[in-house]
Amino acid sequence: MELTTFNKSLDKSFSFRNIDTDNNVKYSSFIDLFAGIGGFHIALHSLGLECVFASEYDVHARKTYEANFKKLNPSLFKNSNFAGDITKVVPKNIPDFDILCAGFPCQPFSQAGFKRGFDEERGTLFFYIAKIIKEKRPKAFFLENVRHLLNHDEGKTLRTIKQIMKNELGYSFHYKIVKASDFGLPQHRPRLFMVGFRDIKNFEFPKPTKLKLTMSDIFAAKCEKEIGYTLRVGGRGSKITDRRNWDSYLVDGKVKQLSPTEALKMQGFPEDYVFPVSNTQAMKQLGNSIAIPAVKAVAASILKH
């Protein structure tokens, strides 16, 4: 199914399959900050939780998010519960929730953002997460960022985040580099996951599972590489606007570039996910998103605590 078919199906919200609500009596709701196109939403909804508030600034990502979740979760789009600028949100006005999820902007902590960290304006957006946690006191938080955050500024940036979460807010703090390939997807995509609890000290990240998909499965044809390049903005090139920079693979002996439909599979999105945007925007959004099976695995571990 090609992206154009998705664009013709905007009257249909995508379907979630195998929703699991077993063994979860502690957690029923979450908020989705810096939501992108809804990776956290998909993962936690599939575990039986309801999203009661979301925030995303980018106009194109907001369009994709709304196209996929408005019919599924209509209450989210009422009473200003789908916010734009997080800096304009008053924390006390956010509905009560159990888990705060946030893939906060990674550019300030990545090579693409010159690794300036908190010195860059977007880096300070982390402190809005802290303000919301301080006001709402959720049971847990689940944060995601690029792996470079681990060693940024000789580790001072991560230590600052840990100090705020533990010493100022009173939450436990656990972190680990998790790869998408550890949870069934054919791309490495290492990301730093951070988890914390208000009332629980111990936490174990899930153990890796066997690879379920290969690049041959993604292309439905023979591919030399079993695990592909990490899907990212602009593919392996410098400009997302240039289709020649999208990742290319040798498939059935011929060079083939990754399509939005194949990129969607590499991130673990449902096949009936819709993109009311251009192919260029769709690839950018998928490159900025999270690997859903990895997020779901960690979220499932959170629900056990």
C-alpha atoms as a PDB file:
ATOM      1  CA  MET A   1       0.000   0.000   0.000  1.00  0.00           C
ATOM      2  CA  GLU A   2       1.529   3.284  -1.066  1.00  0.00           C
ATOM      3  CA  LEU A   3       1.405   6.609   0.734  1.00  0.00           C
ATOM      4  CA  THR A   4      -1.052   8.027  -1.791  1.00  0.00           C
ATOM      5  CA  THR A   5      -3.534   5.377  -0.683  1.00  0.00           C
ATOM      6  CA  PHE A   6      -3.086   6.555   2.895  1.00  0.00           C
ATOM      7  CA  ASN A   7      -3.847  10.109   1.808  1.00  0.00           C
ATOM      8  CA  LYS A   8      -7.122   8.968   0.259  1.00  0.00           C
ATOM      9  CA  SER A   9      -8.173   7.280   3.516  1.00  0.00           C
ATOM     10  CA  LEU A  10      -8.281  10.192   5.923  1.00  0.00           C
ATOM     11  CA  ASP A  11     -11.839   9.354   6.944  1.00  0.00           C
ATOM     12  CA  LYS A  12     -10.519   6.195   8.605  1.00  0.00           C
ATOM     13  CA  SER A  13      -8.437   6.245  11.790  1.00  0.00           C
ATOM     14  CA  PHE A  14      -5.842   3.497  11.815  1.00  0.00           C
ATOM     15  CA  SER A  15      -6.564   0.399  13.853  1.00  0.00           C
ATOM     16  CA  PHE A  16      -4.762  -0.840  16.947  1.00  0.00           C
ATOM     17  CA  ARG A  17      -4.445  -4.569  17.237  1.00  0.00           C
ATOM     18  CA  ASN A  18      -3.947  -6.847  20.238  1.00  0.00           C
ATOM     19  CA  ILE A  19      -4.665  -4.232  22.918  1.00  0.00           C
ATOM     20  CA  ASP A  20      -3.461  -5.728  26.189  1.00  0.00           C
ATOM     21  CA  THR A  21      -4.981  -4.521  29.455  1.00  0.00           C
ATOM     22  CA  ASP A  22      -3.904  -7.516  31.568  1.00  0.00           C
ATOM     23  CA  ASN A  23      -1.922  -7.025  34.773  1.00  0.00           C
ATOM     24  CA  ASN A  24      -2.285  -3.246  34.734  1.00  0.00           C
ATOM     25  CA  VAL A  25      -4.237  -1.877  37.663  1.00  0.00           C
ATOM     26  CA  LYS A  26      -1.934   0.990  38.584  1.00  0.00           C
ATOM     27  CA  TYR A  27      -1.857   2.960  35.357  1.00  0.00           C
ATOM     28  CA  SER A  28      -4.714   4.078  33.122  1.00  0.00           C
ATOM     29  CA  SER A  29      -3.645   7.361  31.504  1.00  0.00           C
ATOM     30  CA  PHE A  30      -0.684   9.242  30.080  1.00  0.00           C
ATOM     31  CA  ILE A  31       0.246  12.523  28.419  1.00  0.00           C
ATOM     32  CA  ASP A  32       2.223  12.779  25.189  1.00  0.00           C
ATOM     33  CA  LEU A  33       4.609  15.760  25.133  1.00  0.00           C
ATOM     34  CA  PHE A  34       6.635  16.711  22.036  1.00  0.00           C
ATOM     35  CA  ALA A  35       4.343  14.123  20.517  1.00  0.00           C
ATOM     36  CA  GLY A  36       5.575  14.172  16.930  1.00  0.00           C
ATOM     37  CA  ILE A  37       3.320  11.874  14.947  1.00  0.00           C
ATOM     38  CA  GLY A  38       2.274   9.721  17.892  1.00  0.00           C
ATOM     39  CA  GLY A  39       4.814   6.957  18.496  1.00  0.00           C
ATOM     40  CA  PHE A  40       4.346   7.023  22.265  1.00  0.00           C
ATOM     41  CA  HIS A  41       0.575   7.244  21.766  1.00  0.00           C
ATOM     42  CA  ILE A  42       0.503   4.100  19.651  1.00  0.00           C
ATOM     43  CA  ALA A  43       2.697   2.125  22.052  1.00  0.00           C
ATOM     44  CA  LEU A  44       0.857   3.024  25.267  1.00  0.00           C
ATOM     45  CA  HIS A  45      -2.616   2.841  23.752  1.00  0.00           C
ATOM     46  CA  SER A  46      -1.825  -0.693  22.600  1.00  0.00           C
ATOM     47  CA  LEU A  47      -1.192  -1.502  26.270  1.00  0.00           C
ATOM     48  CA  GLY A  48      -4.625  -0.201  27.260  1.00  0.00           C
ATOM     49  CA  LEU A  49      -3.804   3.350  28.426  1.00  0.00           C
ATOM     50  CA  GLU A  50      -5.657   6.522  27.416  1.00  0.00           C
ATOM     51  CA  CYS A  51      -3.920   9.690  26.278  1.00  0.00           C
ATOM     52  CA  VAL A  52      -5.546  12.640  28.075  1.00  0.00           C
ATOM     53  CA  PHE A  53      -3.259  15.447  26.848  1.00  0.00           C
ATOM     54  CA  ALA A  54      -0.769  15.930  24.028  1.00  0.00           C
ATOM     55  CA  SER A  55       1.484  18.706  22.811  1.00  0.00           C
ATOM     56  CA  GLU A  56       3.238  19.160  19.463  1.00  0.00           C
ATOM     57  CA  TYR A  57       4.484  22.402  17.949  1.00  0.00           C
ATOM     58  CA  ASP A  58       5.238  21.446  14.323  1.00  0.00           C
ATOM     59  CA  VAL A  59       2.238  22.172  12.097  1.00  0.00           C
ATOM     60  CA  HIS A  60       2.877  19.250   9.735  1.00  0.00           C
ATOM     61  CA  ALA A  61       3.325  16.731  12.557  1.00  0.00           C
ATOM     62  CA  ARG A  62       0.145  18.051  14.201  1.00  0.00           C
ATOM     63  CA  LYS A  63      -1.750  17.390  10.986  1.00  0.00           C
ATOM     64  CA  THR A  64      -0.562  13.769  10.877  1.00  0.00           C
ATOM     65  CA  TYR A  65      -1.237  13.259  14.598  1.00  0.00           C
ATOM     66  CA  GLU A  66      -4.784  14.564  14.320  1.00  0.00           C
ATOM     67  CA  ALA A  67      -5.544  12.557  11.171  1.00  0.00           C
ATOM     68  CA  ASN A  68      -4.680   9.354  13.010  1.00  0.00           C
ATOM     69  CA  PHE A  69      -6.053   9.952  16.496  1.00  0.00           C
ATOM     70  CA  LYS A  70      -9.047  12.286  16.248  1.00  0.00           C
ATOM     71  CA  LYS A  71     -11.660   9.574  15.742  1.00  0.00           C
ATOM     72  CA  LEU A  72      -9.888   7.122  17.993  1.00  0.00           C
ATOM     73  CA  ASN A  73      -9.637   9.579  20.896  1.00  0.00           C
ATOM     74  CA  PRO A  74     -12.021  12.516  20.259  1.00  0.00           C
ATOM     75  CA  SER A  75     -11.840  13.859  23.817  1.00  0.00           C
ATOM     76  CA  LEU A  76      -8.139  14.593  23.313  1.00  0.00           C
ATOM     77  CA  PHE A  77      -9.001  17.233  20.729  1.00  0.00           C
ATOM     78  CA  LYS A  78     -11.515  19.029  22.921  1.00  0.00           C
ATOM     79  CA  ASN A  79     -10.970  21.604  25.672  1.00  0.00           C
ATOM     80  CA  SER A  80      -7.447  22.471  24.448  1.00  0.00           C
ATOM     81  CA  ASN A  81      -6.071  19.041  25.329  1.00  0.00           C
ATOM     82  CA  PHE A  82      -4.041  18.953  22.097  1.00  0.00           C
ATOM     83  CA  ALA A  83      -1.720  21.889  22.626  1.00  0.00           C
ATOM     84  CA  GLY A  84       0.823  23.465  20.309  1.00  0.00           C
ATOM     85  CA  ASP A  85       3.482  25.511  22.092  1.00  0.00           C
ATOM     86  CA  ILE A  86       4.423  23.725  25.333  1.00  0.00           C
ATOM     87  CA  THR A  87       5.772  26.990  26.742  1.00  0.00           C
ATOM     88  CA  LYS A  88       2.231  28.407  26.692  1.00  0.00           C
ATOM     89  CA  VAL A  89       0.725  25.467  28.603  1.00  0.00           C
ATOM     90  CA  VAL A  90      -0.277  26.068  32.237  1.00  0.00           C
ATOM     91  CA  PRO A  91       0.643  22.818  34.060  1.00  0.00           C
ATOM     92  CA  LYS A  92      -2.271  22.950  36.518  1.00  0.00           C
ATOM     93  CA  ASN A  93      -4.711  22.983  33.585  1.00  0.00           C
ATOM     94  CA  ILE A  94      -3.489  19.612  32.295  1.00  0.00           C
ATOM     95  CA  PRO A  95      -5.842  16.740  33.208  1.00  0.00           C
ATOM     96  CA  ASP A  96      -4.559  14.330  35.850  1.00  0.00           C
ATOM     97  CA  PHE A  97      -2.548  11.439  34.444  1.00  0.00           C
ATOM     98  CA  ASP A  98      -0.381   8.499  35.526  1.00  0.00           C
ATOM     99  CA  ILE A  99       2.598   8.564  33.145  1.00  0.00           C
ATOM    100  CA  LEU A 100       4.330  11.499  31.474  1.00  0.00           C
ATOM    101  CA  CYS A 101       5.810  10.557  28.090  1.00  0.00           C
ATOM    102  CA  ALA A 102       8.129  12.886  26.219  1.00  0.00           C
ATOM    103  CA  GLY A 103      10.529  12.492  23.345  1.00  0.00           C
ATOM    104  CA  PHE A 104      11.825  15.971  24.031  1.00  0.00           C
ATOM    105  CA  PRO A 105      13.715  17.769  21.245  1.00  0.00           C
ATOM    106  CA  CYS A 106      16.896  15.924  20.496  1.00  0.00           C
ATOM    107  CA  GLN A 107      18.615  18.456  18.227  1.00  0.00           C
ATOM    108  CA  PRO A 108      20.246  20.362  21.113  1.00  0.00           C
ATOM    109  CA  PHE A 109      21.829  17.100  22.306  1.00  0.00           C
ATOM    110  CA  SER A 110      22.817  15.635  18.936  1.00  0.00           C
ATOM    111  CA  GLN A 111      25.574  16.200  16.415  1.00  0.00           C
ATOM    112  CA  ALA A 112      23.005  17.845  14.141  1.00  0.00           C
ATOM    113  CA  GLY A 113      22.402  20.444  16.850  1.00  0.00           C
ATOM    114  CA  PHE A 114      26.103  21.004  17.503  1.00  0.00           C
ATOM    115  CA  LYS A 115      25.682  19.372  20.925  1.00  0.00           C
ATOM    116  CA  ARG A 116      24.979  22.685  22.666  1.00  0.00           C
ATOM    117  CA  GLY A 117      22.539  21.093  25.086  1.00  0.00           C
ATOM    118  CA  PHE A 118      20.931  23.428  27.610  1.00  0.00           C
ATOM    119  CA  ASP A 119      22.695  26.400  26.009  1.00  0.00           C
ATOM    120  CA  GLU A 120      20.330  26.156  23.042  1.00  0.00           C
ATOM    121  CA  GLU A 121      16.757  27.388  23.441  1.00  0.00           C
ATOM    122  CA  ARG A 122      15.197  24.057  22.564  1.00  0.00           C
ATOM    123  CA  GLY A 123      17.332  22.371  25.219  1.00  0.00           C
ATOM    124  CA  THR A 124      15.565  24.392  27.880  1.00  0.00           C
ATOM    125  CA  LEU A 125      12.276  22.736  26.901  1.00  0.00           C
ATOM    126  CA  PHE A 126      13.269  19.901  29.224  1.00  0.00           C
ATOM    127  CA  PHE A 127      12.529  22.232  32.127  1.00  0.00           C
ATOM    128  CA  TYR A 128       8.882  22.453  31.037  1.00  0.00           C
ATOM    129  CA  ILE A 129       8.722  18.697  31.550  1.00  0.00           C
ATOM    130  CA  ALA A 130      10.060  19.217  35.060  1.00  0.00           C
ATOM    131  CA  LYS A 131       7.502  21.957  35.743  1.00  0.00           C
ATOM    132  CA  ILE A 132       4.640  19.681  34.714  1.00  0.00           C
ATOM    133  CA  ILE A 133       5.924  16.825  36.864  1.00  0.00           C
ATOM    134  CA  LYS A 134       6.305  19.172  39.821  1.00  0.00           C
ATOM    135  CA  GLU A 135       2.723  20.396  39.455  1.00  0.00           C
ATOM    136  CA  LYS A 136       0.950  17.141  38.542  1.00  0.00           C
ATOM    137  CA  ARG A 137       3.053  14.532  40.430  1.00  0.00           C
ATOM    138  CA  PRO A 138       2.394  11.595  38.067  1.00  0.00           C
ATOM    139  CA  LYS A 139       3.228   8.055  39.117  1.00  0.00           C
ATOM    140  CA  ALA A 140       5.954   7.734  36.482  1.00  0.00           C
ATOM    141  CA  PHE A 141       7.751   9.383  33.580  1.00  0.00           C
ATOM    142  CA  PHE A 142       9.161   7.907  30.374  1.00  0.00           C
ATOM    143  CA  LEU A 143      11.592  10.087  28.394  1.00  0.00           C
ATOM    144  CA  GLU A 144      13.443   9.503  25.131  1.00  0.00           C
ATOM    145  CA  ASN A 145      16.404  11.240  23.535  1.00  0.00           C
ATOM    146  CA  VAL A 146      19.385  10.614  21.286  1.00  0.00           C
ATOM    147  CA  ARG A 147      22.254   8.550  22.664  1.00  0.00           C
ATOM    148  CA  HIS A 148      24.611  11.570  22.488  1.00  0.00           C
ATOM    149  CA  LEU A 149      22.831  12.947  25.543  1.00  0.00           C
ATOM    150  CA  LEU A 150      24.643  10.295  27.574  1.00  0.00           C
ATOM    151  CA  ASN A 151      28.036  11.957  27.095  1.00  0.00           C
ATOM    152  CA  HIS A 152      27.081  15.540  26.266  1.00  0.00           C
ATOM    153  CA  ASP A 153      29.267  18.093  28.045  1.00  0.00           C
ATOM    154  CA  GLU A 154      31.255  15.258  29.643  1.00  0.00           C
ATOM    155  CA  GLY A 155      28.063  13.833  31.128  1.00  0.00           C
ATOM    156  CA  LYS A 156      27.013  17.058  32.851  1.00  0.00           C
ATOM    157  CA  THR A 157      23.757  17.400  30.887  1.00  0.00           C
ATOM    158  CA  LEU A 158      22.492  13.962  31.910  1.00  0.00           C
ATOM    159  CA  ARG A 159      23.630  14.529  35.489  1.00  0.00           C
ATOM    160  CA  THR A 160      21.619  17.758  35.526  1.00  0.00           C
ATOM    161  CA  ILE A 161      18.511  15.936  34.337  1.00  0.00           C
ATOM    162  CA  LYS A 162      19.063  13.195  36.915  1.00  0.00           C
ATOM    163  CA  GLN A 163      19.637  15.715  39.703  1.00  0.00           C
ATOM    164  CA  ILE A 164      16.413  17.555  38.888  1.00  0.00           C
ATOM    165  CA  MET A 165      14.359  14.367  38.701  1.00  0.00           C
ATOM    166  CA  LYS A 166      15.798  12.774  41.849  1.00  0.00           C
ATOM    167  CA  ASN A 167      16.787  15.575  44.191  1.00  0.00           C
ATOM    168  CA  GLU A 168      14.332  18.312  43.249  1.00  0.00           C
ATOM    169  CA  LEU A 169      11.307  16.260  42.236  1.00  0.00           C
ATOM    170  CA  GLY A 170      11.831  13.123  44.320  1.00  0.00           C
ATOM    171  CA  TYR A 171      11.601  10.519  41.546  1.00  0.00           C
ATOM    172  CA  SER A 172      13.797   7.504  40.941  1.00  0.00           C
ATOM    173  CA  PHE A 173      15.868   7.712  37.768  1.00  0.00           C
ATOM    174  CA  HIS A 174      16.865   4.858  35.469  1.00  0.00           C
ATOM    175  CA  TYR A 175      18.366   5.068  32.002  1.00  0.00           C
ATOM    176  CA  LYS A 176      19.643   2.803  29.256  1.00  0.00           C
ATOM    177  CA  ILE A 177      20.632   2.891  25.594  1.00  0.00           C
ATOM    178  CA  VAL A 178      18.040   0.793  23.765  1.00  0.00           C
ATOM    179  CA  LYS A 179      18.260  -0.267  20.106  1.00  0.00           C
ATOM    180  CA  ALA A 180      15.298  -0.776  17.801  1.00  0.00           C
ATOM    181  CA  SER A 181      16.969  -3.988  16.597  1.00  0.00           C
ATOM    182  CA  ASP A 182      16.763  -5.333  20.169  1.00  0.00           C
ATOM    183  CA  PHE A 183      12.981  -5.442  19.823  1.00  0.00           C
ATOM    184  CA  GLY A 184      12.285  -6.877  16.416  1.00  0.00           C
ATOM    185  CA  LEU A 185      13.003  -4.062  13.935  1.00  0.00           C
ATOM    186  CA  PRO A 186      15.695  -4.163  11.225  1.00  0.00           C
ATOM    187  CA  GLN A 187      17.522  -0.959  12.174  1.00  0.00           C
ATOM    188  CA  HIS A 188      19.887  -0.262  15.049  1.00  0.00           C
ATOM    189  CA  ARG A 189      18.551   3.187  16.019  1.00  0.00           C
ATOM    190  CA  PRO A 190      20.089   3.482  19.506  1.00  0.00           C
ATOM    191  CA  ARG A 191      18.160   5.832  21.786  1.00  0.00           C
ATOM    192  CA  LEU A 192      18.532   6.867  25.414  1.00  0.00           C
ATOM    193  CA  PHE A 193      15.440   5.910  27.407  1.00  0.00           C
ATOM    194  CA  MET A 194      14.925   7.424  30.858  1.00  0.00           C
ATOM    195  CA  VAL A 195      12.345   6.094  33.301  1.00  0.00           C
ATOM    196  CA  GLY A 196      11.421   7.230  36.798  1.00  0.00           C
ATOM    197  CA  PHE A 197       8.830   6.594  39.494  1.00  0.00           C
ATOM    198  CA  ARG A 198       7.336   8.715  42.241  1.00  0.00           C
ATOM    199  CA  ASP A 199       6.969   5.877  44.763  1.00  0.00           C
ATOM    200  CA  ILE A 200       9.126   3.039  43.395  1.00  0.00           C
ATOM    201  CA  LYS A 201      12.905   2.799  43.542  1.00  0.00           C
ATOM    202  CA  ASN A 202      13.677  -0.301  41.503  1.00  0.00           C
ATOM    203  CA  PHE A 203      13.205  -0.813  37.774  1.00  0.00           C
ATOM    204  CA  GLU A 204      14.571  -3.199  35.164  1.00  0.00           C
ATOM    205  CA  PHE A 205      14.563  -2.474  31.465  1.00  0.00           C
ATOM    206  CA  PRO A 206      13.252  -5.323  29.302  1.00  0.00           C
ATOM    207  CA  LYS A 207      15.650  -7.856  27.855  1.00  0.00           C
ATOM    208  CA  PRO A 208      16.197  -7.824  24.070  1.00  0.00           C
ATOM    209  CA  THR A 209      14.113 -10.122  21.908  1.00  0.00           C
ATOM    210  CA  LYS A 210      14.945 -11.896  18.666  1.00  0.00           C
ATOM    211  CA  LEU A 211      14.922  -9.977  15.388  1.00  0.00           C
ATOM    212  CA  LYS A 212      11.475 -10.440  13.834  1.00  0.00           C
ATOM    213  CA  LEU A 213      11.889  -8.476  10.613  1.00  0.00           C
ATOM    214  CA  THR A 214      14.780  -8.172   8.189  1.00  0.00           C
ATOM    215  CA  MET A 215      15.255  -5.704   5.367  1.00  0.00           C
ATOM    216  CA  SER A 216      14.081  -8.452   3.006  1.00  0.00           C
ATOM    217  CA  ASP A 217      10.768  -8.405   4.868  1.00  0.00           C
ATOM    218  CA  ILE A 218      10.604  -4.614   4.592  1.00  0.00           C
ATOM    219  CA  PHE A 219      11.081  -4.695   0.810  1.00  0.00           C
ATOM    220  CA  ALA A 220       9.263  -8.016   0.272  1.00  0.00           C
ATOM    221  CA  ALA A 221      12.300  -8.954  -1.816  1.00  0.00           C
ATOM    222  CA  LYS A 222      15.840 -10.193  -1.262  1.00  0.00           C
ATOM    223  CA  CYS A 223      18.051  -7.542   0.369  1.00  0.00           C
ATOM    224  CA  GLU A 224      21.768  -7.915   1.106  1.00  0.00           C
ATOM    225  CA  LYS A 225      21.500  -6.182   4.487  1.00  0.00           C
ATOM    226  CA  GLU A 226      19.661  -7.956   7.301  1.00  0.00           C
ATOM    227  CA  ILE A 227      19.588  -4.833   9.503  1.00  0.00           C
ATOM    228  CA  GLY A 228      19.273  -1.490   7.717  1.00  0.00           C
ATOM    229  CA  TYR A 229      20.667   1.960   8.332  1.00  0.00           C
ATOM    230  CA  THR A 230      19.199   3.922  11.204  1.00  0.00           C
ATOM    231  CA  LEU A 231      16.208   5.791   9.761  1.00  0.00           C
ATOM    232  CA  ARG A 232      16.748   9.507  10.333  1.00  0.00           C
ATOM    233  CA  VAL A 233      15.919  12.908   8.940  1.00  0.00           C
ATOM    234  CA  GLY A 234      17.359  13.139   5.436  1.00  0.00           C
ATOM    235  CA  GLY A 235      18.302   9.479   5.298  1.00  0.00           C
ATOM    236  CA  ARG A 236      22.081   9.217   5.110  1.00  0.00           C
ATOM    237  CA  GLY A 237      22.378  12.542   3.323  1.00  0.00           C
ATOM    238  CA  SER A 238      22.101  16.130   4.460  1.00  0.00           C
ATOM    239  CA  LYS A 239      18.767  17.363   3.145  1.00  0.00           C
ATOM    240  CA  ILE A 240      15.418  15.689   3.633  1.00  0.00           C
ATOM    241  CA  THR A 241      14.073  17.777   0.757  1.00  0.00           C
ATOM    242  CA  ASP A 242      16.296  15.898  -1.703  1.00  0.00           C
ATOM    243  CA  ARG A 243      14.882  12.432  -2.381  1.00  0.00           C
ATOM    244  CA  ARG A 244      18.345  11.303  -3.531  1.00  0.00           C
ATOM    245  CA  ASN A 245      19.432  11.455   0.111  1.00  0.00           C
ATOM    246  CA  TRP A 246      16.925   8.843   1.253  1.00  0.00           C
ATOM    247  CA  ASP A 247      18.563   5.528   2.215  1.00  0.00           C
ATOM    248  CA  SER A 248      19.290   3.154  -0.649  1.00  0.00           C
ATOM    249  CA  TYR A 249      19.645  -0.626  -0.567  1.00  0.00           C
ATOM    250  CA  LEU A 250      20.594  -3.391  -2.961  1.00  0.00           C
ATOM    251  CA  VAL A 251      17.322  -5.258  -3.507  1.00  0.00           C
ATOM    252  CA  ASP A 252      17.131  -8.174  -5.944  1.00  0.00           C
ATOM    253  CA  GLY A 253      20.408  -6.932  -7.383  1.00  0.00           C
ATOM    254  CA  LYS A 254      19.123  -3.409  -8.010  1.00  0.00           C
ATOM    255  CA  VAL A 255      19.591  -0.184  -6.035  1.00  0.00           C
ATOM    256  CA  LYS A 256      16.330   0.802  -4.359  1.00  0.00           C
ATOM    257  CA  GLN A 257      15.577   3.828  -2.226  1.00  0.00           C
ATOM    258  CA  LEU A 258      13.514   3.542   0.915  1.00  0.00           C
ATOM    259  CA  SER A 259       9.892   4.626   0.424  1.00  0.00           C
ATOM    260  CA  PRO A 260       7.619   6.123   3.109  1.00  0.00           C
ATOM    261  CA  THR A 261       5.693   2.842   3.296  1.00  0.00           C
ATOM    262  CA  GLU A 262       8.913   0.911   3.934  1.00  0.00           C
ATOM    263  CA  ALA A 263      10.141   3.520   6.420  1.00  0.00           C
ATOM    264  CA  LEU A 264       6.839   3.146   8.272  1.00  0.00           C
ATOM    265  CA  LYS A 265       7.484  -0.593   8.628  1.00  0.00           C
ATOM    266  CA  MET A 266      11.027   0.048   9.846  1.00  0.00           C
ATOM    267  CA  GLN A 267       9.636   2.124  12.718  1.00  0.00           C
ATOM    268  CA  GLY A 268       6.945  -0.396  13.636  1.00  0.00           C
ATOM    269  CA  PHE A 269       3.934   1.781  12.771  1.00  0.00           C
ATOM    270  CA  PRO A 270       0.577   0.170  11.870  1.00  0.00           C
ATOM    271  CA  GLU A 271       0.224  -0.466   8.152  1.00  0.00           C
ATOM    272  CA  ASP A 272      -2.955   1.612   8.031  1.00  0.00           C
ATOM    273  CA  TYR A 273      -1.325   4.734   9.480  1.00  0.00           C
ATOM    274  CA  VAL A 274      -2.170   7.777   7.360  1.00  0.00           C
ATOM    275  CA  PHE A 275      -0.050  10.725   6.223  1.00  0.00           C
ATOM    276  CA  PRO A 276      -2.001  13.826   5.101  1.00  0.00           C
ATOM    277  CA  VAL A 277       1.302  15.400   4.063  1.00  0.00           C
ATOM    278  CA  SER A 278       3.818  15.117   1.230  1.00  0.00           C
ATOM    279  CA  ASN A 279       6.207  12.175   0.909  1.00  0.00           C
ATOM    280  CA  THR A 280       9.032  14.489   1.926  1.00  0.00           C
ATOM    281  CA  GLN A 281       7.226  15.469   5.131  1.00  0.00           C
ATOM    282  CA  ALA A 282       6.259  11.848   5.796  1.00  0.00           C
ATOM    283  CA  MET A 283       9.901  10.746   5.610  1.00  0.00           C
ATOM    284  CA  LYS A 284      10.958  13.624   7.836  1.00  0.00           C
ATOM    285  CA  GLN A 285       8.287  12.732  10.387  1.00  0.00           C
ATOM    286  CA  LEU A 286       9.206   9.054  10.383  1.00  0.00           C
ATOM    287  CA  GLY A 287      12.884   9.938  10.698  1.00  0.00           C
ATOM    288  CA  ASN A 288      12.101  12.046  13.753  1.00  0.00           C
ATOM    289  CA  SER A 289       9.852   9.434  15.329  1.00  0.00           C
ATOM    290  CA  ILE A 290      10.517   6.529  17.682  1.00  0.00           C
ATOM    291  CA  ALA A 291      10.733   2.782  17.167  1.00  0.00           C
ATOM    292  CA  ILE A 292       7.360   1.669  18.489  1.00  0.00           C
ATOM    293  CA  PRO A 293       8.197  -1.922  19.537  1.00  0.00           C
ATOM    294  CA  ALA A 294      11.107  -0.687  21.675  1.00  0.00           C
ATOM    295  CA  VAL A 295       8.913   1.947  23.335  1.00  0.00           C
ATOM    296  CA  LYS A 296       6.130  -0.578  23.898  1.00  0.00           C
ATOM    297  CA  ALA A 297       8.546  -3.057  25.502  1.00  0.00           C
ATOM    298  CA  VAL A 298       9.833  -0.451  27.964  1.00  0.00           C
ATOM    299  CA  ALA A 299       6.299   0.823  28.652  1.00  0.00           C
ATOM    300  CA  ALA A 300       5.160  -2.728  29.392  1.00  0.00           C
ATOM    301  CA  SER A 301       7.955  -3.000  31.954  1.00  0.00           C
ATOM    302  CA  ILE A 302       6.821   0.273  33.541  1.00  0.00           C
ATOM    303  CA  LEU A 303       3.304  -1.122  33.929  1.00  0.00           C
ATOM    304  CA  LYS A 304       4.679  -4.056  35.918  1.00  0.00           C
ATOM    305  CA  HIS A 305       5.994  -1.736  38.626  1.00  0.00           C
END
